[in-house]
Amino acid sequence: MVMGCVGLGQQSMNSTMITYFLSNDLRQKWSVVILYKLNQWIMLNNYAYAYWLSMYQSRA
């Protein structure tokens, strides 16, 4: 449930930021690349946190 909420908030924030970047300046393609890499890193952290949380809860 928590994972779903996090994913939903993540998705809406990402689409807004990507739209902002694209409408802001199409010449700055590097900013889109950086955003994409940052998004990958954030998603990786979310999965790692969810995994750790599930392990911690199963142990308790």
Protein backbone atom coordinates (compact mmCIF):
# COMPACT_ATOMS: atom_id res chain seq x y z
CA MET A 1 0.00 0.00 0.00
CA VAL A 2 2.76 2.41 0.99
CA MET A 3 4.72 1.38 -2.10
CA GLY A 4 1.71 2.16 -4.29
CA CYS A 5 1.29 5.63 -2.80
CA VAL A 6 5.00 6.40 -3.18
CA GLY A 7 4.94 5.19 -6.77
CA LEU A 8 1.88 7.31 -7.57
CA GLY A 9 3.39 10.48 -6.11
CA GLN A 10 6.67 9.74 -7.86
CA GLN A 11 4.96 9.33 -11.21
CA SER A 12 2.97 12.58 -11.05
CA MET A 13 6.03 14.56 -9.92
CA ASN A 14 8.16 13.08 -12.72
CA SER A 15 5.69 13.87 -15.50
CA THR A 16 5.34 17.45 -14.22
CA MET A 17 9.10 17.96 -14.08
CA ILE A 18 9.68 16.40 -17.50
CA THR A 19 6.94 18.58 -19.02
CA TYR A 20 8.51 21.64 -17.37
CA PHE A 21 11.95 20.79 -18.71
CA LEU A 22 10.73 20.15 -22.24
CA SER A 23 8.59 23.29 -22.42
CA ASN A 24 11.25 25.37 -20.67
CA ASP A 25 14.11 24.87 -23.13
CA LEU A 26 14.41 22.14 -25.75
CA ARG A 27 18.04 23.08 -26.40
CA GLN A 28 19.06 21.95 -22.92
CA LYS A 29 18.95 18.24 -23.69
CA TRP A 30 21.53 17.58 -20.99
CA SER A 31 19.02 18.63 -18.34
CA VAL A 32 16.61 15.94 -19.55
CA VAL A 33 19.42 13.36 -19.43
CA ILE A 34 20.33 14.42 -15.89
CA LEU A 35 16.66 14.25 -14.87
CA TYR A 36 16.42 10.76 -16.36
CA LYS A 37 19.53 9.57 -14.51
CA LEU A 38 18.30 11.16 -11.27
CA ASN A 39 14.93 9.47 -11.73
CA GLN A 40 16.63 6.08 -12.17
CA TRP A 41 18.64 6.66 -8.97
CA ILE A 42 15.54 7.69 -7.01
CA MET A 43 13.61 4.64 -8.24
CA LEU A 44 16.52 2.38 -7.27
CA ASN A 45 16.52 3.91 -3.78
CA ASN A 46 12.75 3.44 -3.49
CA TYR A 47 13.06 -0.26 -4.33
CA ALA A 48 15.98 -0.71 -1.94
CA TYR A 49 14.03 1.02 0.85
CA ALA A 50 10.90 -1.05 0.18
CA TYR A 51 13.00 -4.24 0.22
CA TRP A 52 14.68 -3.25 3.50
CA LEU A 53 11.31 -2.34 5.00
CA SER A 54 9.79 -5.70 4.05
CA MET A 55 12.79 -7.53 5.52
CA TYR A 56 12.58 -5.49 8.71
CA GLN A 57 8.83 -6.06 9.08
CA SER A 58 9.13 -9.81 8.52
CA ARG A 59 11.79 -10.00 11.24
CA ALA A 60 9.78 -8.02 13.81
